[in-house]
Amino acid sequence: MNGEDSADPVPSTTAEGDDRHSFPRGPVQAVAVVVLCHLAIVFALVGRNPDTARFLRLGGVVAGEVTEQPWRLLTSLFVHADPAHVLWNGLSMIVFAVPVVLGIGYLRAAAIYLVGGALGGVAGAWAVPGGVVLFGSSGAVSALFGAWVAITLVRARHDGLPHRARMRVLGVALLILPSLMTPISSSGRAISVAAHLGGLAGGLAAGLLALGAGAQKRTVEDEQPGTEDE
């Protein structure tokens, strides 16, 4: 079983200041590097017609053995079935990772990607029989989607945007949610819906925490006394 999935691209505006009106070159380049790394692994290590044993050797999560080999929760995020698997997840990453990076920064976005992907792996492994191998970054991408929803809703409320703006975000989320709950890909591979939902839940929580931490940091900085030359 793999975590292959895709989400429909949607426009988003979570940047602040001039970033709202300029092309986000840095975040797009960062996502492109990740996607190229995933493609390189597919071409160099996965190859054509891979079997379960190969995905296991490359770091896939083994259901029933998560506590014995927890490192697989991270290595599995870099293993994909084929280039199409990488590109679908990469398209979704561009859509959601870029606004998340603009909203909370590279480090927090990367943490959400990794932690959300690990939580997705735990959920996916829990939902299938022991011995099933799971891999792919769609749980991590689902976490970015969840973070985007949380960040966009909170920012819309904080900026005093009309109620319909928040409803549009919820509408987009409802449109994408069915794609996260599809159990079979277009190529016939099994998809771990539990991994998607686990990543989504982790991303929602992490997005709220990241916004709270950022707001607290700004408050502390604002309260620090200034200095004057004597």
Foldseek 3Di string as FASTA:
>chain_A
DEAFFAFDFDDDQQADDCVSPDDLVVQLVVLVVLLVQLQCCCVPQQNPPRDPVSLVVQQFDFQPCCVVPVVSLQSLASYDNHNVSSVRLSVLCVRQLSSLCNNQHDVLLVVLLSVQSSQLSVQLSVVDDGGDTYGHSLSSSLLSLLLRLQSRLVVCVVVVHDPVSNVVSVVSVVVGLVRLQDQADPVGDGHRSRSSVRSNVSSNVSSVVSVVVVVVVVVVVVPDDDDDDD
